[in-house]
Each structure stands twice: as C-alpha cells, then as structure tokens.
C-alpha cells in the first residue's frame, strides 16, 4: 500500500516532499492553481491531476507545466456529482485528454 496526498497549499506539498511520498495528487479544485501545480511539479514526483469542474482550456496550462517539468502524470476525468446523470458524464472529453494536448 502506498501513501499519497492532495495538498491544497505549497507548504503542504513541501511537507509531502519531506515525507518522500511516491506521488502527489492535485485535486480538481486546484487544477487551475498554476502556481501550486508548478510548485508540485518542481518536486519531480509523479502527479495525478483530477480534472472535474474544469474545462479543457483550464486543464491545458497544468498539463503544459507538468510536461515542461518532465514529471510523469495521469489525468483523471472526475465529477463532483454522485451518481452522475448520463448527460453530464462527458466521456467525449476523454478523447481530448488522450490526444488534445501538445
């Protein structure tokens, strides 16, 4: 079992770095907090980036930050409404996430 955490602040990310966590999750609420994404990317750890409540346009800068830092990352297509009605799932966004970023 591995341990990872979703920090809301840079100092919380620093604490995770001190604990040498194997990866960091960035929640959808911080997905467009680009200074925080940059700070986390500078740690050099793999990142899980949740994308719920964001647009492709607001996720793209975070993806660019992670790519520029050279850290491995995964995007999660998430929702904040459970259960999610079918018309709000937006599975078509997955195809954009897979090939929509340069």
PDB file of N, CA and C in Angstrom:
ATOM      1  N   UNK A   1       0.847  -1.158   0.000  1.00  0.00           N
ATOM      2  CA  UNK A   1       0.000   0.000   0.000  1.00  0.00           C
ATOM      3  C   UNK A   1       0.902   1.233   0.000  1.00  0.00           C
ATOM      4  N   UNK A   2       0.578   2.158  -0.867  1.00  0.00           N
ATOM      5  CA  UNK A   2       1.323   3.401  -0.922  1.00  0.00           C
ATOM      6  C   UNK A   2       0.529   4.540  -0.325  1.00  0.00           C
ATOM      7  N   UNK A   3       1.217   5.578   0.058  1.00  0.00           N
ATOM      8  CA  UNK A   3       0.591   6.762   0.637  1.00  0.00           C
ATOM      9  C   UNK A   3       0.826   7.932  -0.293  1.00  0.00           C
ATOM     10  N   UNK A   4      -0.228   8.651  -0.606  1.00  0.00           N
ATOM     11  CA  UNK A   4      -0.087   9.925  -1.299  1.00  0.00           C
ATOM     12  C   UNK A   4      -1.175  10.850  -0.804  1.00  0.00           C
ATOM     13  N   UNK A   5      -1.021  12.116  -1.081  1.00  0.00           N
ATOM     14  CA  UNK A   5      -1.913  13.118  -0.515  1.00  0.00           C
ATOM     15  C   UNK A   5      -2.204  14.194  -1.542  1.00  0.00           C
ATOM     16  N   UNK A   6      -3.281  14.890  -1.319  1.00  0.00           N
ATOM     17  CA  UNK A   6      -3.688  16.016  -2.150  1.00  0.00           C
ATOM     18  C   UNK A   6      -3.456  17.296  -1.349  1.00  0.00           C
ATOM     19  N   UNK A   7      -2.340  17.994  -1.601  1.00  0.00           N
ATOM     20  CA  UNK A   7      -2.093  19.235  -0.864  1.00  0.00           C
ATOM     21  C   UNK A   7      -2.870  20.403  -1.465  1.00  0.00           C
ATOM     22  N   UNK A   8      -3.340  21.277  -0.609  1.00  0.00           N
ATOM     23  CA  UNK A   8      -4.045  22.477  -1.046  1.00  0.00           C
ATOM     24  C   UNK A   8      -3.133  23.700  -1.078  1.00  0.00           C
ATOM     25  N   UNK A   9      -1.980  23.601  -0.427  1.00  0.00           N
ATOM     26  CA  UNK A   9      -1.055  24.724  -0.298  1.00  0.00           C
ATOM     27  C   UNK A   9       0.367  24.268  -0.596  1.00  0.00           C
ATOM     28  N   UNK A  10       1.210  25.202  -0.980  1.00  0.00           N
ATOM     29  CA  UNK A  10       2.611  24.882  -1.253  1.00  0.00           C
ATOM     30  C   UNK A  10       3.303  24.307  -0.028  1.00  0.00           C
ATOM     31  N   UNK A  11       3.011  24.848   1.142  1.00  0.00           N
ATOM     32  CA  UNK A  11       3.688  24.330   2.338  1.00  0.00           C
ATOM     33  C   UNK A  11       3.250  22.902   2.656  1.00  0.00           C
ATOM     34  N   UNK A  12       2.022  22.543   2.316  1.00  0.00           N
ATOM     35  CA  UNK A  12       1.583  21.154   2.487  1.00  0.00           C
ATOM     36  C   UNK A  12       2.317  20.254   1.492  1.00  0.00           C
ATOM     37  N   UNK A  13       2.532  20.754   0.277  1.00  0.00           N
ATOM     38  CA  UNK A  13       3.313  19.992  -0.709  1.00  0.00           C
ATOM     39  C   UNK A  13       4.742  19.805  -0.221  1.00  0.00           C
ATOM     40  N   UNK A  14       5.300  20.832   0.410  1.00  0.00           N
ATOM     41  CA  UNK A  14       6.651  20.723   0.967  1.00  0.00           C
ATOM     42  C   UNK A  14       6.720  19.640   2.041  1.00  0.00           C
ATOM     43  N   UNK A  15       5.685  19.554   2.854  1.00  0.00           N
ATOM     44  CA  UNK A  15       5.635  18.517   3.890  1.00  0.00           C
ATOM     45  C   UNK A  15       5.625  17.136   3.237  1.00  0.00           C
ATOM     46  N   UNK A  16       4.877  16.987   2.152  1.00  0.00           N
ATOM     47  CA  UNK A  16       4.852  15.699   1.445  1.00  0.00           C
ATOM     48  C   UNK A  16       6.223  15.367   0.879  1.00  0.00           C
ATOM     49  N   UNK A  17       6.910  16.377   0.354  1.00  0.00           N
ATOM     50  CA  UNK A  17       8.263  16.149  -0.163  1.00  0.00           C
ATOM     51  C   UNK A  17       9.185  15.707   0.963  1.00  0.00           C
ATOM     52  N   UNK A  18       9.032  16.316   2.130  1.00  0.00           N
ATOM     53  CA  UNK A  18       9.843  15.945   3.298  1.00  0.00           C
ATOM     54  C   UNK A  18       9.593  14.486   3.683  1.00  0.00           C
ATOM     55  N   UNK A  19       8.347  14.043   3.550  1.00  0.00           N
ATOM     56  CA  UNK A  19       7.991  12.661   3.879  1.00  0.00           C
ATOM     57  C   UNK A  19       8.327  11.697   2.739  1.00  0.00           C
ATOM     58  N   UNK A  20       8.804  12.225   1.626  1.00  0.00           N
ATOM     59  CA  UNK A  20       9.198  11.442   0.463  1.00  0.00           C
ATOM     60  C   UNK A  20       8.062  10.552  -0.067  1.00  0.00           C
ATOM     61  N   UNK A  21       6.873  11.157  -0.201  1.00  0.00           N
ATOM     62  CA  UNK A  21       5.749  10.411  -0.768  1.00  0.00           C
ATOM     63  C   UNK A  21       6.076  10.044  -2.212  1.00  0.00           C
ATOM     64  N   UNK A  22       5.556   8.905  -2.710  1.00  0.00           N
ATOM     65  CA  UNK A  22       5.914   8.472  -4.057  1.00  0.00           C
ATOM     66  C   UNK A  22       5.236   9.257  -5.173  1.00  0.00           C
ATOM     67  N   UNK A  23       4.117   9.925  -4.879  1.00  0.00           N
ATOM     68  CA  UNK A  23       3.401  10.719  -5.878  1.00  0.00           C
ATOM     69  C   UNK A  23       2.510  11.713  -5.179  1.00  0.00           C
ATOM     70  N   UNK A  24       2.034  12.680  -5.944  1.00  0.00           N
ATOM     71  CA  UNK A  24       1.155  13.714  -5.398  1.00  0.00           C
ATOM     72  C   UNK A  24      -0.084  13.794  -6.271  1.00  0.00           C
ATOM     73  N   UNK A  25      -1.248  13.910  -5.625  1.00  0.00           N
ATOM     74  CA  UNK A  25      -2.493  14.111  -6.351  1.00  0.00           C
ATOM     75  C   UNK A  25      -2.873  15.580  -6.257  1.00  0.00           C
ATOM     76  N   UNK A  26      -3.229  16.145  -7.383  1.00  0.00           N
ATOM     77  CA  UNK A  26      -3.747  17.515  -7.411  1.00  0.00           C
ATOM     78  C   UNK A  26      -5.245  17.408  -7.660  1.00  0.00           C
ATOM     79  N   UNK A  27      -6.018  17.881  -6.727  1.00  0.00           N
ATOM     80  CA  UNK A  27      -7.470  17.797  -6.841  1.00  0.00           C
ATOM     81  C   UNK A  27      -8.008  18.761  -7.881  1.00  0.00           C
ATOM     82  N   UNK A  28      -9.215  18.502  -8.316  1.00  0.00           N
ATOM     83  CA  UNK A  28      -9.805  19.326  -9.370  1.00  0.00           C
ATOM     84  C   UNK A  28      -9.970  20.780  -8.948  1.00  0.00           C
ATOM     85  N   UNK A  29     -10.117  21.036  -7.668  1.00  0.00           N
ATOM     86  CA  UNK A  29     -10.236  22.410  -7.194  1.00  0.00           C
ATOM     87  C   UNK A  29      -8.943  23.203  -7.317  1.00  0.00           C
ATOM     88  N   UNK A  30      -7.815  22.498  -7.382  1.00  0.00           N
ATOM     89  CA  UNK A  30      -6.513  23.138  -7.531  1.00  0.00           C
ATOM     90  C   UNK A  30      -5.939  22.947  -8.932  1.00  0.00           C
ATOM     91  N   UNK A  31      -6.685  22.318  -9.810  1.00  0.00           N
ATOM     92  CA  UNK A  31      -6.212  22.031 -11.166  1.00  0.00           C
ATOM     93  C   UNK A  31      -5.794  23.291 -11.905  1.00  0.00           C
ATOM     94  N   UNK A  32      -6.473  24.387 -11.644  1.00  0.00           N
ATOM     95  CA  UNK A  32      -6.110  25.641 -12.316  1.00  0.00           C
ATOM     96  C   UNK A  32      -5.402  26.620 -11.371  1.00  0.00           C
ATOM     97  N   UNK A  33      -4.867  26.096 -10.287  1.00  0.00           N
ATOM     98  CA  UNK A  33      -3.999  26.878  -9.403  1.00  0.00           C
ATOM     99  C   UNK A  33      -2.575  26.656  -9.924  1.00  0.00           C
ATOM    100  N   UNK A  34      -2.239  27.360 -10.977  1.00  0.00           N
ATOM    101  CA  UNK A  34      -0.998  27.089 -11.707  1.00  0.00           C
ATOM    102  C   UNK A  34       0.262  27.293 -10.868  1.00  0.00           C
ATOM    103  N   UNK A  35       0.316  28.267  -9.946  1.00  0.00           N
ATOM    104  CA  UNK A  35       1.499  28.339  -9.087  1.00  0.00           C
ATOM    105  C   UNK A  35       1.673  27.084  -8.223  1.00  0.00           C
ATOM    106  N   UNK A  36       0.574  26.538  -7.706  1.00  0.00           N
ATOM    107  CA  UNK A  36       0.658  25.307  -6.923  1.00  0.00           C
ATOM    108  C   UNK A  36       1.077  24.137  -7.802  1.00  0.00           C
ATOM    109  N   UNK A  37       0.497  24.040  -8.997  1.00  0.00           N
ATOM    110  CA  UNK A  37       0.881  22.966  -9.923  1.00  0.00           C
ATOM    111  C   UNK A  37       2.373  23.064 -10.238  1.00  0.00           C
ATOM    112  N   UNK A  38       2.866  24.279 -10.474  1.00  0.00           N
ATOM    113  CA  UNK A  38       4.288  24.486 -10.740  1.00  0.00           C
ATOM    114  C   UNK A  38       5.137  24.049  -9.553  1.00  0.00           C
ATOM    115  N   UNK A  39       4.717  24.408  -8.362  1.00  0.00           N
ATOM    116  CA  UNK A  39       5.456  24.036  -7.154  1.00  0.00           C
ATOM    117  C   UNK A  39       5.508  22.518  -7.003  1.00  0.00           C
ATOM    118  N   UNK A  40       4.377  21.869  -7.199  1.00  0.00           N
ATOM    119  CA  UNK A  40       4.329  20.408  -7.085  1.00  0.00           C
ATOM    120  C   UNK A  40       5.175  19.767  -8.184  1.00  0.00           C
ATOM    121  N   UNK A  41       5.101  20.288  -9.392  1.00  0.00           N
ATOM    122  CA  UNK A  41       5.899  19.740 -10.496  1.00  0.00           C
ATOM    123  C   UNK A  41       7.388  19.848 -10.193  1.00  0.00           C
ATOM    124  N   UNK A  42       7.793  20.906  -9.499  1.00  0.00           N
ATOM    125  CA  UNK A  42       9.208  21.094  -9.181  1.00  0.00           C
ATOM    126  C   UNK A  42       9.726  20.036  -8.212  1.00  0.00           C
ATOM    127  N   UNK A  43       8.820  19.315  -7.548  1.00  0.00           N
ATOM    128  CA  UNK A  43       9.223  18.243  -6.642  1.00  0.00           C
ATOM    129  C   UNK A  43       9.763  17.040  -7.406  1.00  0.00           C
ATOM    130  N   UNK A  44       9.391  16.925  -8.691  1.00  0.00           N
ATOM    131  CA  UNK A  44       9.870  15.818  -9.506  1.00  0.00           C
ATOM    132  C   UNK A  44       9.165  14.497  -9.281  1.00  0.00           C
ATOM    133  N   UNK A  45       8.074  14.517  -8.542  1.00  0.00           N
ATOM    134  CA  UNK A  45       7.306  13.298  -8.260  1.00  0.00           C
ATOM    135  C   UNK A  45       6.220  13.114  -9.314  1.00  0.00           C
ATOM    136  N   UNK A  46       5.815  11.861  -9.581  1.00  0.00           N
ATOM    137  CA  UNK A  46       4.655  11.658 -10.453  1.00  0.00           C
ATOM    138  C   UNK A  46       3.425  12.349  -9.867  1.00  0.00           C
ATOM    139  N   UNK A  47       2.528  12.765 -10.753  1.00  0.00           N
ATOM    140  CA  UNK A  47       1.345  13.534 -10.361  1.00  0.00           C
ATOM    141  C   UNK A  47       0.091  12.890 -10.936  1.00  0.00           C
ATOM    142  N   UNK A  48      -0.949  12.839 -10.116  1.00  0.00           N
ATOM    143  CA  UNK A  48      -2.298  12.517 -10.581  1.00  0.00           C
ATOM    144  C   UNK A  48      -3.057  13.832 -10.551  1.00  0.00           C
ATOM    145  N   UNK A  49      -3.581  14.249 -11.701  1.00  0.00           N
ATOM    146  CA  UNK A  49      -4.279  15.529 -11.823  1.00  0.00           C
ATOM    147  C   UNK A  49      -5.759  15.279 -12.090  1.00  0.00           C
ATOM    148  N   UNK A  50      -6.599  15.605 -11.105  1.00  0.00           N
ATOM    149  CA  UNK A  50      -8.048  15.485 -11.286  1.00  0.00           C
ATOM    150  C   UNK A  50      -8.551  16.678 -12.081  1.00  0.00           C
ATOM    151  N   UNK A  51      -9.526  16.432 -12.942  1.00  0.00           N
ATOM    152  CA  UNK A  51      -9.963  17.475 -13.867  1.00  0.00           C
ATOM    153  C   UNK A  51     -11.409  17.906 -13.702  1.00  0.00           C
ATOM    154  N   UNK A  52     -12.149  17.294 -12.791  1.00  0.00           N
ATOM    155  CA  UNK A  52     -13.555  17.637 -12.632  1.00  0.00           C
ATOM    156  C   UNK A  52     -13.758  19.120 -12.391  1.00  0.00           C
ATOM    157  N   UNK A  53     -14.868  19.647 -12.815  1.00  0.00           N
ATOM    158  CA  UNK A  53     -15.240  21.055 -12.650  1.00  0.00           C
ATOM    159  C   UNK A  53     -14.335  21.999 -13.452  1.00  0.00           C
ATOM    160  N   UNK A  54     -13.532  21.503 -14.369  1.00  0.00           N
ATOM    161  CA  UNK A  54     -12.646  22.324 -15.186  1.00  0.00           C
ATOM    162  C   UNK A  54     -12.953  22.108 -16.657  1.00  0.00           C
ATOM    163  N   UNK A  55     -12.513  23.044 -17.462  1.00  0.00           N
ATOM    164  CA  UNK A  55     -12.634  22.903 -18.907  1.00  0.00           C
ATOM    165  C   UNK A  55     -11.297  22.421 -19.455  1.00  0.00           C
ATOM    166  N   UNK A  56     -11.314  21.950 -20.678  1.00  0.00           N
ATOM    167  CA  UNK A  56     -10.071  21.546 -21.326  1.00  0.00           C
ATOM    168  C   UNK A  56      -9.109  22.730 -21.372  1.00  0.00           C
ATOM    169  N   UNK A  57      -9.642  23.911 -21.612  1.00  0.00           N
ATOM    170  CA  UNK A  57      -8.801  25.109 -21.690  1.00  0.00           C
ATOM    171  C   UNK A  57      -8.139  25.436 -20.348  1.00  0.00           C
ATOM    172  N   UNK A  58      -8.808  25.137 -19.239  1.00  0.00           N
ATOM    173  CA  UNK A  58      -8.203  25.426 -17.937  1.00  0.00           C
ATOM    174  C   UNK A  58      -7.267  24.307 -17.473  1.00  0.00           C
ATOM    175  N   UNK A  59      -7.431  23.120 -18.021  1.00  0.00           N
ATOM    176  CA  UNK A  59      -6.543  21.996 -17.684  1.00  0.00           C
ATOM    177  C   UNK A  59      -5.243  22.084 -18.487  1.00  0.00           C
ATOM    178  N   UNK A  60      -5.309  22.584 -19.703  1.00  0.00           N
ATOM    179  CA  UNK A  60      -4.148  22.597 -20.601  1.00  0.00           C
ATOM    180  C   UNK A  60      -2.910  23.266 -19.998  1.00  0.00           C
ATOM    181  N   UNK A  61      -3.019  24.423 -19.320  1.00  0.00           N
ATOM    182  CA  UNK A  61      -1.803  25.009 -18.736  1.00  0.00           C
ATOM    183  C   UNK A  61      -1.156  24.106 -17.681  1.00  0.00           C
ATOM    184  N   UNK A  62      -1.968  23.405 -16.889  1.00  0.00           N
ATOM    185  CA  UNK A  62      -1.412  22.476 -15.903  1.00  0.00           C
ATOM    186  C   UNK A  62      -0.686  21.332 -16.589  1.00  0.00           C
ATOM    187  N   UNK A  63      -1.268  20.829 -17.662  1.00  0.00           N
ATOM    188  CA  UNK A  63      -0.612  19.768 -18.431  1.00  0.00           C
ATOM    189  C   UNK A  63       0.717  20.288 -18.979  1.00  0.00           C
ATOM    190  N   UNK A  64       0.720  21.494 -19.497  1.00  0.00           N
ATOM    191  CA  UNK A  64       1.963  22.078 -20.012  1.00  0.00           C
ATOM    192  C   UNK A  64       3.014  22.198 -18.911  1.00  0.00           C
ATOM    193  N   UNK A  65       2.606  22.629 -17.723  1.00  0.00           N
ATOM    194  CA  UNK A  65       3.531  22.759 -16.592  1.00  0.00           C
ATOM    195  C   UNK A  65       4.146  21.407 -16.257  1.00  0.00           C
ATOM    196  N   UNK A  66       3.303  20.372 -16.182  1.00  0.00           N
ATOM    197  CA  UNK A  66       3.791  19.034 -15.832  1.00  0.00           C
ATOM    198  C   UNK A  66       4.711  18.491 -16.917  1.00  0.00           C
ATOM    199  N   UNK A  67       4.332  18.685 -18.165  1.00  0.00           N
ATOM    200  CA  UNK A  67       5.189  18.219 -19.268  1.00  0.00           C
ATOM    201  C   UNK A  67       6.521  18.955 -19.286  1.00  0.00           C
ATOM    202  N   UNK A  68       6.490  20.272 -19.112  1.00  0.00           N
ATOM    203  CA  UNK A  68       7.719  21.052 -19.109  1.00  0.00           C
ATOM    204  C   UNK A  68       8.653  20.632 -17.976  1.00  0.00           C
ATOM    205  N   UNK A  69       8.079  20.219 -16.842  1.00  0.00           N
ATOM    206  CA  UNK A  69       8.882  19.769 -15.699  1.00  0.00           C
ATOM    207  C   UNK A  69       9.400  18.350 -15.907  1.00  0.00           C
ATOM    208  N   UNK A  70       8.835  17.644 -16.887  1.00  0.00           N
ATOM    209  CA  UNK A  70       9.286  16.280 -17.166  1.00  0.00           C
ATOM    210  C   UNK A  70       8.827  15.253 -16.146  1.00  0.00           C
ATOM    211  N   UNK A  71       7.761  15.575 -15.413  1.00  0.00           N
ATOM    212  CA  UNK A  71       7.270  14.604 -14.435  1.00  0.00           C
ATOM    213  C   UNK A  71       6.195  13.726 -15.073  1.00  0.00           C
ATOM    214  N   UNK A  72       6.178  12.450 -14.726  1.00  0.00           N
ATOM    215  CA  UNK A  72       5.087  11.596 -15.219  1.00  0.00           C
ATOM    216  C   UNK A  72       3.777  12.043 -14.566  1.00  0.00           C
ATOM    217  N   UNK A  73       2.700  11.986 -15.330  1.00  0.00           N
ATOM    218  CA  UNK A  73       1.416  12.372 -14.765  1.00  0.00           C
ATOM    219  C   UNK A  73       0.294  11.593 -15.418  1.00  0.00           C
ATOM    220  N   UNK A  74      -0.808  11.528 -14.692  1.00  0.00           N
ATOM    221  CA  UNK A  74      -2.040  10.918 -15.190  1.00  0.00           C
ATOM    222  C   UNK A  74      -3.168  11.908 -14.955  1.00  0.00           C
ATOM    223  N   UNK A  75      -4.061  12.012 -15.912  1.00  0.00           N
ATOM    224  CA  UNK A  75      -5.249  12.844 -15.773  1.00  0.00           C
ATOM    225  C   UNK A  75      -6.425  11.971 -15.367  1.00  0.00           C
ATOM    226  N   UNK A  76      -7.189  12.439 -14.407  1.00  0.00           N
ATOM    227  CA  UNK A  76      -8.411  11.746 -14.003  1.00  0.00           C
ATOM    228  C   UNK A  76      -9.612  12.560 -14.458  1.00  0.00           C
ATOM    229  N   UNK A  77     -10.495  11.934 -15.168  1.00  0.00           N
ATOM    230  CA  UNK A  77     -11.744  12.562 -15.584  1.00  0.00           C
ATOM    231  C   UNK A  77     -12.722  12.351 -14.436  1.00  0.00           C
ATOM    232  N   UNK A  78     -12.904  13.383 -13.622  1.00  0.00           N
ATOM    233  CA  UNK A  78     -13.663  13.227 -12.391  1.00  0.00           C
ATOM    234  C   UNK A  78     -14.934  14.061 -12.407  1.00  0.00           C
ATOM    235  N   UNK A  79     -15.771  13.809 -11.435  1.00  0.00           N
ATOM    236  CA  UNK A  79     -17.042  14.522 -11.318  1.00  0.00           C
ATOM    237  C   UNK A  79     -17.262  14.880  -9.857  1.00  0.00           C
ATOM    238  N   UNK A  80     -18.109  15.827  -9.602  1.00  0.00           N
ATOM    239  CA  UNK A  80     -18.434  16.173  -8.217  1.00  0.00           C
ATOM    240  C   UNK A  80     -19.902  15.927  -7.918  1.00  0.00           C
ATOM    241  N   UNK A  81     -20.574  15.180  -8.779  1.00  0.00           N
ATOM    242  CA  UNK A  81     -21.989  14.875  -8.603  1.00  0.00           C
ATOM    243  C   UNK A  81     -22.161  13.358  -8.642  1.00  0.00           C
ATOM    244  N   UNK A  82     -22.600  12.785  -7.525  1.00  0.00           N
ATOM    245  CA  UNK A  82     -22.731  11.327  -7.424  1.00  0.00           C
ATOM    246  C   UNK A  82     -24.160  10.969  -7.052  1.00  0.00           C
ATOM    247  N   UNK A  83     -24.789  10.029  -7.744  1.00  0.00           N
ATOM    248  CA  UNK A  83     -24.337   9.465  -9.023  1.00  0.00           C
ATOM    249  C   UNK A  83     -24.492  10.515 -10.125  1.00  0.00           C
ATOM    250  N   UNK A  84     -23.621  10.441 -11.084  1.00  0.00           N
ATOM    251  CA  UNK A  84     -23.627  11.413 -12.174  1.00  0.00           C
ATOM    252  C   UNK A  84     -24.646  11.003 -13.227  1.00  0.00           C
ATOM    253  N   UNK A  85     -25.580  11.889 -13.565  1.00  0.00           N
ATOM    254  CA  UNK A  85     -26.514  11.573 -14.648  1.00  0.00           C
ATOM    255  C   UNK A  85     -25.746  11.389 -15.957  1.00  0.00           C
ATOM    256  N   UNK A  86     -26.206  10.477 -16.781  1.00  0.00           N
ATOM    257  CA  UNK A  86     -25.508  10.159 -18.034  1.00  0.00           C
ATOM    258  C   UNK A  86     -25.213  11.386 -18.889  1.00  0.00           C
ATOM    259  N   UNK A  87     -26.128  12.340 -18.932  1.00  0.00           N
ATOM    260  CA  UNK A  87     -25.926  13.501 -19.806  1.00  0.00           C
ATOM    261  C   UNK A  87     -24.831  14.452 -19.291  1.00  0.00           C
ATOM    262  N   UNK A  88     -24.348  14.240 -18.066  1.00  0.00           N
ATOM    263  CA  UNK A  88     -23.292  15.093 -17.509  1.00  0.00           C
ATOM    264  C   UNK A  88     -21.919  14.419 -17.445  1.00  0.00           C
ATOM    265  N   UNK A  89     -21.845  13.171 -17.871  1.00  0.00           N
ATOM    266  CA  UNK A  89     -20.578  12.432 -17.748  1.00  0.00           C
ATOM    267  C   UNK A  89     -19.503  12.973 -18.679  1.00  0.00           C
ATOM    268  N   UNK A  90     -19.866  13.398 -19.870  1.00  0.00           N
ATOM    269  CA  UNK A  90     -18.936  13.988 -20.837  1.00  0.00           C
ATOM    270  C   UNK A  90     -17.762  13.064 -21.166  1.00  0.00           C
ATOM    271  N   UNK A  91     -18.063  11.828 -21.492  1.00  0.00           N
ATOM    272  CA  UNK A  91     -16.998  10.885 -21.829  1.00  0.00           C
ATOM    273  C   UNK A  91     -16.221  11.301 -23.064  1.00  0.00           C
ATOM    274  N   UNK A  92     -16.815  12.131 -23.912  1.00  0.00           N
ATOM    275  CA  UNK A  92     -16.088  12.615 -25.089  1.00  0.00           C
ATOM    276  C   UNK A  92     -14.842  13.396 -24.699  1.00  0.00           C
ATOM    277  N   UNK A  93     -14.832  13.964 -23.494  1.00  0.00           N
ATOM    278  CA  UNK A  93     -13.658  14.675 -23.030  1.00  0.00           C
ATOM    279  C   UNK A  93     -12.442  13.769 -22.876  1.00  0.00           C
ATOM    280  N   UNK A  94     -12.673  12.492 -22.651  1.00  0.00           N
ATOM    281  CA  UNK A  94     -11.559  11.563 -22.504  1.00  0.00           C
ATOM    282  C   UNK A  94     -10.724  11.490 -23.784  1.00  0.00           C
ATOM    283  N   UNK A  95     -11.369  11.555 -24.914  1.00  0.00           N
ATOM    284  CA  UNK A  95     -10.611  11.506 -26.161  1.00  0.00           C
ATOM    285  C   UNK A  95      -9.764  12.759 -26.325  1.00  0.00           C
ATOM    286  N   UNK A  96     -10.256  13.895 -25.873  1.00  0.00           N
ATOM    287  CA  UNK A  96      -9.470  15.139 -25.912  1.00  0.00           C
ATOM    288  C   UNK A  96      -8.298  15.060 -24.950  1.00  0.00           C
ATOM    289  N   UNK A  97      -8.531  14.526 -23.761  1.00  0.00           N
ATOM    290  CA  UNK A  97      -7.442  14.394 -22.801  1.00  0.00           C
ATOM    291  C   UNK A  97      -6.352  13.488 -23.346  1.00  0.00           C
ATOM    292  N   UNK A  98      -6.752  12.441 -24.042  1.00  0.00           N
ATOM    293  CA  UNK A  98      -5.781  11.489 -24.563  1.00  0.00           C
ATOM    294  C   UNK A  98      -4.944  12.054 -25.698  1.00  0.00           C
ATOM    295  N   UNK A  99      -5.496  12.920 -26.512  1.00  0.00           N
ATOM    296  CA  UNK A  99      -4.715  13.404 -27.646  1.00  0.00           C
ATOM    297  C   UNK A  99      -4.863  14.869 -27.934  1.00  0.00           C
ATOM    298  N   UNK A 100      -5.523  15.608 -27.022  1.00  0.00           N
ATOM    299  CA  UNK A 100      -5.800  17.001 -27.305  1.00  0.00           C
ATOM    300  C   UNK A 100      -4.751  17.993 -26.857  1.00  0.00           C
ATOM    301  N   UNK A 101      -3.686  17.535 -26.215  1.00  0.00           N
ATOM    302  CA  UNK A 101      -2.675  18.454 -25.719  1.00  0.00           C
ATOM    303  C   UNK A 101      -1.397  18.290 -26.517  1.00  0.00           C
ATOM    304  N   UNK A 102      -0.698  19.373 -26.710  1.00  0.00           N
ATOM    305  CA  UNK A 102       0.569  19.305 -27.447  1.00  0.00           C
ATOM    306  C   UNK A 102       1.736  19.295 -26.484  1.00  0.00           C
TER     307      UNK A 102
END
